[in-house]
C-alpha atoms as a PDB file:
ATOM      1  CA  UNK A   1      58.440 184.844  71.156  1.00  0.00           C
ATOM      2  CA  UNK A   2      60.613 182.756  74.171  1.00  0.00           C
ATOM      3  CA  UNK A   3      59.246 181.185  76.841  1.00  0.00           C
ATOM      4  CA  UNK A   4      61.176 181.309  80.538  1.00  0.00           C
ATOM      5  CA  UNK A   5      63.463 177.579  81.541  1.00  0.00           C
ATOM      6  CA  UNK A   6      61.112 177.061  83.224  1.00  0.00           C
ATOM      7  CA  UNK A   7      58.137 177.254  80.463  1.00  0.00           C
ATOM      8  CA  UNK A   8      60.162 175.627  77.971  1.00  0.00           C
ATOM      9  CA  UNK A   9      60.747 172.701  80.562  1.00  0.00           C
ATOM     10  CA  UNK A  10      56.591 172.558  80.602  1.00  0.00           C
ATOM     11  CA  UNK A  11      56.873 172.756  76.714  1.00  0.00           C
ATOM     12  CA  UNK A  12      58.899 169.818  76.485  1.00  0.00           C
ATOM     13  CA  UNK A  13      56.414 168.113  79.092  1.00  0.00           C
ATOM     14  CA  UNK A  14      54.228 168.282  77.281  1.00  0.00           C
ATOM     15  CA  UNK A  15      55.961 167.272  73.579  1.00  0.00           C
ATOM     16  CA  UNK A  16      57.102 164.188  75.412  1.00  0.00           C
ATOM     17  CA  UNK A  17      54.114 163.160  77.431  1.00  0.00           C
ATOM     18  CA  UNK A  18      53.530 160.022  75.473  1.00  0.00           C
ATOM     19  CA  UNK A  19      56.976 158.884  76.538  1.00  0.00           C
ATOM     20  CA  UNK A  20      55.758 158.538  79.904  1.00  0.00           C
ATOM     21  CA  UNK A  21      51.744 158.004  79.526  1.00  0.00           C
ATOM     22  CA  UNK A  22      51.512 156.011  76.176  1.00  0.00           C
ATOM     23  CA  UNK A  23      48.065 156.079  76.139  1.00  0.00           C
ATOM     24  CA  UNK A  24      47.781 160.048  76.672  1.00  0.00           C
ATOM     25  CA  UNK A  25      48.568 162.046  73.300  1.00  0.00           C
ATOM     26  CA  UNK A  26      48.300 165.896  73.362  1.00  0.00           C
ATOM     27  CA  UNK A  27      48.115 166.928  69.821  1.00  0.00           C
ATOM     28  CA  UNK A  28      47.839 170.655  70.414  1.00  0.00           C
ATOM     29  CA  UNK A  29      48.821 172.958  73.574  1.00  0.00           C
ATOM     30  CA  UNK A  30      49.874 176.260  74.556  1.00  0.00           C
ATOM     31  CA  UNK A  31      52.205 177.100  77.469  1.00  0.00           C
ATOM     32  CA  UNK A  32      51.114 180.401  79.194  1.00  0.00           C
ATOM     33  CA  UNK A  33      52.955 183.152  81.237  1.00  0.00           C
ATOM     34  CA  UNK A  34      50.776 181.173  83.788  1.00  0.00           C
ATOM     35  CA  UNK A  35      48.392 178.331  82.392  1.00  0.00           C
ATOM     36  CA  UNK A  36      48.583 175.864  79.964  1.00  0.00           C
ATOM     37  CA  UNK A  37      45.721 174.747  77.656  1.00  0.00           C
ATOM     38  CA  UNK A  38      45.907 171.595  75.888  1.00  0.00           C
ATOM     39  CA  UNK A  39      43.999 168.757  74.002  1.00  0.00           C
ATOM     40  CA  UNK A  40      44.267 165.980  75.362  1.00  0.00           C
ATOM     41  CA  UNK A  41      44.047 162.402  73.561  1.00  0.00           C
ATOM     42  CA  UNK A  42      43.413 159.507  76.657  1.00  0.00           C
ATOM     43  CA  UNK A  43      43.123 155.850  74.693  1.00  0.00           C
ATOM     44  CA  UNK A  44      41.881 153.262  76.339  1.00  0.00           C
ATOM     45  CA  UNK A  45      44.828 150.765  77.330  1.00  0.00           C
ATOM     46  CA  UNK A  46      43.302 149.427  80.626  1.00  0.00           C
ATOM     47  CA  UNK A  47      45.464 146.218  79.971  1.00  0.00           C
ATOM     48  CA  UNK A  48      48.837 147.859  79.152  1.00  0.00           C
ATOM     49  CA  UNK A  49      51.450 145.995  81.433  1.00  0.00           C
ATOM     50  CA  UNK A  50      52.462 148.562  83.335  1.00  0.00           C
ATOM     51  CA  UNK A  51      49.538 150.082  83.948  1.00  0.00           C
ATOM     52  CA  UNK A  52      49.583 150.839  88.135  1.00  0.00           C
ATOM     53  CA  UNK A  53      47.410 153.052  89.768  1.00  0.00           C
ATOM     54  CA  UNK A  54      49.220 155.766  91.842  1.00  0.00           C
ATOM     55  CA  UNK A  55      48.126 154.360  95.550  1.00  0.00           C
ATOM     56  CA  UNK A  56      48.302 150.523  95.894  1.00  0.00           C
ATOM     57  CA  UNK A  57      45.544 148.725  97.467  1.00  0.00           C
ATOM     58  CA  UNK A  58      46.396 147.762 100.529  1.00  0.00           C
ATOM     59  CA  UNK A  59      44.145 146.623 103.471  1.00  0.00           C
ATOM     60  CA  UNK A  60      44.464 149.422 105.816  1.00  0.00           C
ATOM     61  CA  UNK A  61      41.812 151.505 106.482  1.00  0.00           C
ATOM     62  CA  UNK A  62      43.712 154.975 104.873  1.00  0.00           C
ATOM     63  CA  UNK A  63      45.600 153.504 102.615  1.00  0.00           C
ATOM     64  CA  UNK A  64      42.833 152.015 101.638  1.00  0.00           C
ATOM     65  CA  UNK A  65      40.741 155.123 101.791  1.00  0.00           C
ATOM     66  CA  UNK A  66      43.352 156.974  99.758  1.00  0.00           C
ATOM     67  CA  UNK A  67      43.581 154.120  97.032  1.00  0.00           C
ATOM     68  CA  UNK A  68      39.691 154.969  96.485  1.00  0.00           C
ATOM     69  CA  UNK A  69      40.580 159.037  95.965  1.00  0.00           C
ATOM     70  CA  UNK A  70      43.526 158.664  94.270  1.00  0.00           C
ATOM     71  CA  UNK A  71      44.025 159.279  90.239  1.00  0.00           C
ATOM     72  CA  UNK A  72      43.513 155.314  88.471  1.00  0.00           C
ATOM     73  CA  UNK A  73      45.689 153.907  85.393  1.00  0.00           C
ATOM     74  CA  UNK A  74      44.896 155.992  81.995  1.00  0.00           C
ATOM     75  CA  UNK A  75      43.294 158.193  83.474  1.00  0.00           C
ATOM     76  CA  UNK A  76      43.311 162.163  82.551  1.00  0.00           C
ATOM     77  CA  UNK A  77      44.473 162.751  86.138  1.00  0.00           C
ATOM     78  CA  UNK A  78      47.428 160.748  86.442  1.00  0.00           C
ATOM     79  CA  UNK A  79      49.009 162.823  82.883  1.00  0.00           C
ATOM     80  CA  UNK A  80      48.068 166.258  84.622  1.00  0.00           C
ATOM     81  CA  UNK A  81      49.441 165.596  88.129  1.00  0.00           C
ATOM     82  CA  UNK A  82      52.914 163.887  86.402  1.00  0.00           C
ATOM     83  CA  UNK A  83      52.931 166.650  84.338  1.00  0.00           C
ATOM     84  CA  UNK A  84      52.295 169.027  87.256  1.00  0.00           C
ATOM     85  CA  UNK A  85      54.653 167.349  89.762  1.00  0.00           C
ATOM     86  CA  UNK A  86      57.458 167.108  87.448  1.00  0.00           C
ATOM     87  CA  UNK A  87      57.079 171.140  86.187  1.00  0.00           C
ATOM     88  CA  UNK A  88      57.021 171.650  89.391  1.00  0.00           C
ATOM     89  CA  UNK A  89      60.464 169.606  90.517  1.00  0.00           C
ATOM     90  CA  UNK A  90      61.930 171.456  87.716  1.00  0.00           C
ATOM     91  CA  UNK A  91      60.699 174.872  88.855  1.00  0.00           C
ATOM     92  CA  UNK A  92      62.085 174.284  92.616  1.00  0.00           C
ATOM     93  CA  UNK A  93      65.177 172.835  91.793  1.00  0.00           C
ATOM     94  CA  UNK A  94      65.824 175.759  89.623  1.00  0.00           C
ATOM     95  CA  UNK A  95      64.512 178.579  92.762  1.00  0.00           C
ATOM     96  CA  UNK A  96      61.600 179.831  90.429  1.00  0.00           C
ATOM     97  CA  UNK A  97      59.333 180.704  92.642  1.00  0.00           C
ATOM     98  CA  UNK A  98      55.842 178.372  91.396  1.00  0.00           C
ATOM     99  CA  UNK A  99      52.529 176.922  92.428  1.00  0.00           C
ATOM    100  CA  UNK A 100      49.711 174.948  90.830  1.00  0.00           C
ATOM    101  CA  UNK A 101      46.314 176.013  91.245  1.00  0.00           C
ATOM    102  CA  UNK A 102      44.587 173.012  93.043  1.00  0.00           C
ATOM    103  CA  UNK A 103      42.537 171.151  90.089  1.00  0.00           C
ATOM    104  CA  UNK A 104      42.133 171.158  86.292  1.00  0.00           C
ATOM    105  CA  UNK A 105      39.222 172.109  84.299  1.00  0.00           C
ATOM    106  CA  UNK A 106      38.387 169.417  81.933  1.00  0.00           C
ATOM    107  CA  UNK A 107      36.276 168.793  78.782  1.00  0.00           C
ATOM    108  CA  UNK A 108      35.246 165.970  76.972  1.00  0.00           C
ATOM    109  CA  UNK A 109      34.993 166.483  72.780  1.00  0.00           C
ATOM    110  CA  UNK A 110      32.119 164.960  71.466  1.00  0.00           C
ATOM    111  CA  UNK A 111      32.890 165.756  67.658  1.00  0.00           C
ATOM    112  CA  UNK A 112      35.176 167.956  65.054  1.00  0.00           C
ATOM    113  CA  UNK A 113      32.956 171.038  65.126  1.00  0.00           C
ATOM    114  CA  UNK A 114      34.060 171.086  69.088  1.00  0.00           C
ATOM    115  CA  UNK A 115      37.533 170.148  68.742  1.00  0.00           C
ATOM    116  CA  UNK A 116      37.882 173.154  66.500  1.00  0.00           C
ATOM    117  CA  UNK A 117      36.196 175.395  68.566  1.00  0.00           C
ATOM    118  CA  UNK A 118      38.484 174.280  71.322  1.00  0.00           C
ATOM    119  CA  UNK A 119      41.269 174.811  69.316  1.00  0.00           C
ATOM    120  CA  UNK A 120      40.405 178.226  68.213  1.00  0.00           C
ATOM    121  CA  UNK A 121      39.746 179.223  71.414  1.00  0.00           C
ATOM    122  CA  UNK A 122      43.197 178.192  72.695  1.00  0.00           C
ATOM    123  CA  UNK A 123      44.631 179.419  69.445  1.00  0.00           C
ATOM    124  CA  UNK A 124      43.308 182.579  70.221  1.00  0.00           C
ATOM    125  CA  UNK A 125      43.575 183.039  73.923  1.00  0.00           C
ATOM    126  CA  UNK A 126      47.636 183.389  73.280  1.00  0.00           C
ATOM    127  CA  UNK A 127      46.180 186.265  70.656  1.00  0.00           C
ATOM    128  CA  UNK A 128      44.483 187.843  73.401  1.00  0.00           C
ATOM    129  CA  UNK A 129      47.389 187.664  75.842  1.00  0.00           C
ATOM    130  CA  UNK A 130      49.783 188.742  73.993  1.00  0.00           C
ATOM    131  CA  UNK A 131      47.214 191.828  72.891  1.00  0.00           C
ATOM    132  CA  UNK A 132      48.040 193.035  76.403  1.00  0.00           C
ATOM    133  CA  UNK A 133      51.616 194.829  75.673  1.00  0.00           C
ATOM    134  CA  UNK A 134      51.945 195.521  79.414  1.00  0.00           C
ATOM    135  CA  UNK A 135      52.141 192.085  80.560  1.00  0.00           C
ATOM    136  CA  UNK A 136      56.025 190.738  80.220  1.00  0.00           C
ATOM    137  CA  UNK A 137      55.754 187.249  79.675  1.00  0.00           C
ATOM    138  CA  UNK A 138      56.454 185.179  76.161  1.00  0.00           C
ATOM    139  CA  UNK A 139      54.194 182.178  75.295  1.00  0.00           C
ATOM    140  CA  UNK A 140      54.565 179.409  72.576  1.00  0.00           C
ATOM    141  CA  UNK A 141      52.210 177.320  70.815  1.00  0.00           C
ATOM    142  CA  UNK A 142      52.722 174.205  69.815  1.00  0.00           C
ATOM    143  CA  UNK A 143      51.367 172.070  67.070  1.00  0.00           C
ATOM    144  CA  UNK A 144      52.163 168.026  66.439  1.00  0.00           C
ATOM    145  CA  UNK A 145      48.843 166.962  64.707  1.00  0.00           C
ATOM    146  CA  UNK A 146      47.254 168.785  61.802  1.00  0.00           C
ATOM    147  CA  UNK A 147      42.889 169.562  63.449  1.00  0.00           C
ATOM    148  CA  UNK A 148      40.874 170.373  60.781  1.00  0.00           C
ATOM    149  CA  UNK A 149      38.703 173.904  60.358  1.00  0.00           C
END
């Protein structure tokens, strides 16, 4: 199956996430027609010299409030925000009608058994979508690191 141009771009963003966010790794992901599933590993790297919160702390009231609620450096929120922003910009440049849901769903994976269940869910999600032949979308799954089963 082939991805659309925007799907291919999204796939590349997932593949290269560590280039932009050295503390993040995505060993498994799938670009679906209207969403993305991914397992994202965030390493504790708070001392990185390139680390900067999304909003800087400035003494004015409004900026201080925005800084307190903005995503903090080396977090999943920063990664998701950057990936969504990049894909949205690309889609807009291609005149592709596109919008994300407002936030994202996350879950802390606590052990190998849970990792395997989530990986299986991601892979089965592709199969279930593919089984619905009346929807004409293309999907593709990517794996970079082997997951234990």
